[in-house]
Protein backbone atom coordinates (compact mmCIF):
# COMPACT_ATOMS: atom_id res chain seq x y z
CA MET A 1 -174.36 -49.11 42.44
CA TYR A 2 -176.38 -49.43 45.63
CA GLY A 3 -179.57 -47.62 46.64
CA SER A 4 -180.74 -47.55 50.21
CA THR A 5 -182.27 -45.49 52.90
CA VAL A 6 -179.99 -44.48 55.74
CA ASP A 7 -179.18 -47.20 58.24
CA ALA A 8 -176.34 -48.48 60.38
CA SER A 9 -175.30 -51.16 57.89
CA THR A 10 -173.55 -48.70 55.56
CA ILE A 11 -171.70 -46.46 58.06
CA PRO A 12 -168.72 -48.82 58.68
CA TYR A 13 -168.10 -49.12 54.93
CA VAL A 14 -168.35 -45.36 54.42
CA LYS A 15 -165.99 -44.66 57.33
CA LYS A 16 -163.50 -47.27 56.11
CA GLY A 17 -163.60 -45.87 52.56
CA ASP A 18 -164.91 -49.08 50.99
CA LEU A 19 -168.15 -47.35 50.01
CA ARG A 20 -168.49 -43.84 48.67
CA LEU A 21 -171.84 -42.35 49.48
CA LEU A 22 -173.12 -39.98 46.78
CA ALA A 23 -176.57 -39.33 48.23
CA TYR A 24 -179.08 -41.08 50.41
CA LEU A 25 -182.73 -41.88 49.83
CA GLY A 26 -184.16 -40.86 53.20
CA ILE A 27 -186.00 -37.59 53.76
CA ASN A 28 -184.64 -36.44 57.13
CA LYS A 29 -181.02 -35.84 58.12
CA VAL A 30 -179.72 -38.67 60.27
CA PRO A 31 -176.77 -38.59 62.70
CA GLY A 32 -173.68 -39.81 60.89
CA TYR A 33 -174.96 -38.71 57.49
CA GLU A 34 -175.20 -34.94 58.00
CA GLY A 35 -172.51 -34.23 55.40
CA PHE A 36 -174.21 -36.16 52.62
CA PRO A 37 -177.00 -34.79 50.43
CA SER A 38 -180.35 -36.49 50.02
CA MET A 39 -182.01 -37.19 46.68
CA GLN A 40 -184.55 -34.56 47.74
CA GLU A 41 -181.82 -31.94 48.08
CA LEU A 42 -180.13 -32.91 44.81
CA TYR A 43 -183.04 -33.65 42.51
CA GLY A 44 -186.25 -32.80 44.32
CA ILE A 45 -187.14 -36.50 44.48
CA GLU A 46 -188.43 -37.66 47.82
CA PHE A 47 -187.87 -41.31 48.67
CA PRO A 48 -189.89 -42.01 51.79
CA ASP A 49 -188.49 -44.28 54.43
CA LEU A 50 -191.01 -46.10 56.58
CA LEU A 51 -190.49 -48.43 59.48
CA ALA A 52 -193.56 -48.75 61.64
CA ILE A 53 -195.29 -50.96 64.15
CA ILE A 54 -198.86 -51.71 63.14
CA GLY A 55 -201.63 -53.92 64.44
CA PRO A 56 -204.35 -55.93 62.77
CA GLN A 57 -207.33 -54.19 61.21
CA GLY A 58 -210.28 -53.83 63.58
CA LEU A 59 -208.21 -53.48 66.74
CA PRO A 60 -210.51 -51.95 69.39
CA ASP A 61 -209.97 -48.22 70.03
CA TYR A 62 -209.13 -48.78 73.71
CA VAL A 63 -206.30 -51.14 72.68
CA VAL A 64 -205.02 -48.66 70.08
CA ARG A 65 -205.02 -45.85 72.68
CA LYS A 66 -203.17 -48.03 75.20
CA LEU A 67 -200.55 -49.03 72.63
CA GLU A 68 -200.16 -45.44 71.40
CA GLY A 69 -199.55 -44.30 74.98
CA ALA A 70 -196.98 -47.03 75.56
CA PHE A 71 -195.09 -46.24 72.34
CA ALA A 72 -195.26 -42.48 72.98
CA ARG A 73 -193.53 -43.09 76.31
CA ALA A 74 -191.07 -45.64 74.88
CA VAL A 75 -189.69 -43.27 72.23
CA LYS A 76 -188.66 -40.90 75.05
CA ASP A 77 -186.78 -43.59 76.99
CA PRO A 78 -183.03 -42.77 77.10
CA GLU A 79 -182.01 -46.40 76.47
CA PHE A 80 -184.28 -46.60 73.42
CA ILE A 81 -182.94 -43.28 72.11
CA GLU A 82 -179.35 -44.46 72.57
CA ALA A 83 -180.05 -47.74 70.76
CA MET A 84 -181.69 -45.92 67.85
CA ASN A 85 -178.78 -43.48 67.66
CA ARG A 86 -176.30 -46.38 67.49
CA MET A 87 -178.25 -47.71 64.50
CA TYR A 88 -178.49 -44.24 62.90
CA MET A 89 -182.27 -44.52 62.96
CA PRO A 90 -184.38 -41.39 63.38
CA ILE A 91 -187.15 -41.50 65.97
CA ILE A 92 -190.41 -40.15 64.63
CA TYR A 93 -193.49 -41.00 66.64
CA MET A 94 -196.88 -40.94 64.91
CA ASP A 95 -200.24 -41.90 66.32
CA LYS A 96 -202.61 -44.08 64.27
CA ASP A 97 -204.29 -41.23 62.37
CA THR A 98 -201.04 -39.42 61.60
CA LEU A 99 -199.40 -42.64 60.40
CA LEU A 100 -202.37 -43.51 58.18
CA LYS A 101 -202.25 -40.07 56.57
CA TYR A 102 -198.47 -40.32 56.11
CA VAL A 103 -198.72 -43.76 54.46
CA GLN A 104 -201.45 -42.59 52.08
CA GLU A 105 -199.45 -39.51 51.10
CA THR A 106 -196.29 -41.58 50.74
CA PHE A 107 -197.94 -43.95 48.28
CA LEU A 108 -199.13 -41.00 46.20
CA ARG A 109 -195.64 -39.43 46.13
CA THR A 110 -194.05 -42.77 45.26
CA ALA A 111 -196.51 -43.26 42.42
CA LYS A 112 -195.53 -39.83 41.02
CA ILE A 113 -191.84 -40.79 41.14
CA TYR A 114 -192.62 -44.03 39.32
CA GLU A 115 -194.54 -42.14 36.62
CA LYS A 116 -191.64 -39.68 36.15
CA VAL A 117 -189.18 -42.55 35.75
CA LYS A 118 -191.46 -44.30 33.25
CA ALA A 119 -191.83 -41.08 31.24
CA GLU A 120 -188.05 -40.58 31.14
CA GLU A 121 -187.51 -44.17 30.02
CA ALA A 122 -190.09 -43.71 27.26
CA LYS A 123 -188.26 -40.57 26.04
CA GLU A 124 -184.94 -42.44 25.94
CA LYS A 125 -186.44 -45.26 23.84
CA LYS A 126 -187.57 -42.84 21.09
């Protein structure tokens, strides 16, 4: 058994038939995986997938704004989009504040999943 978020490393095995995908852990539909259900769709369990570029704490606001502008432009670049599509990676741009909120909410959701799993394990042991 193998658990993973969606990425390019599994597609060749799925296409060849060496790996049978039952569901994926990511939240959003990703090109190449449209026909497969997510754990959210099947069980209402959201497994967040996060890949982000972050800087050191205390980075001056003018630097953050400059970097945010550069990344906001980069995610619209056709070559970048094509490369991400080849890797089956969704492009979701978030500025600093949006990303911080997302990360905080993600940790809370993940903690709830962990508590559910612990509760189920405790029931099985009785």
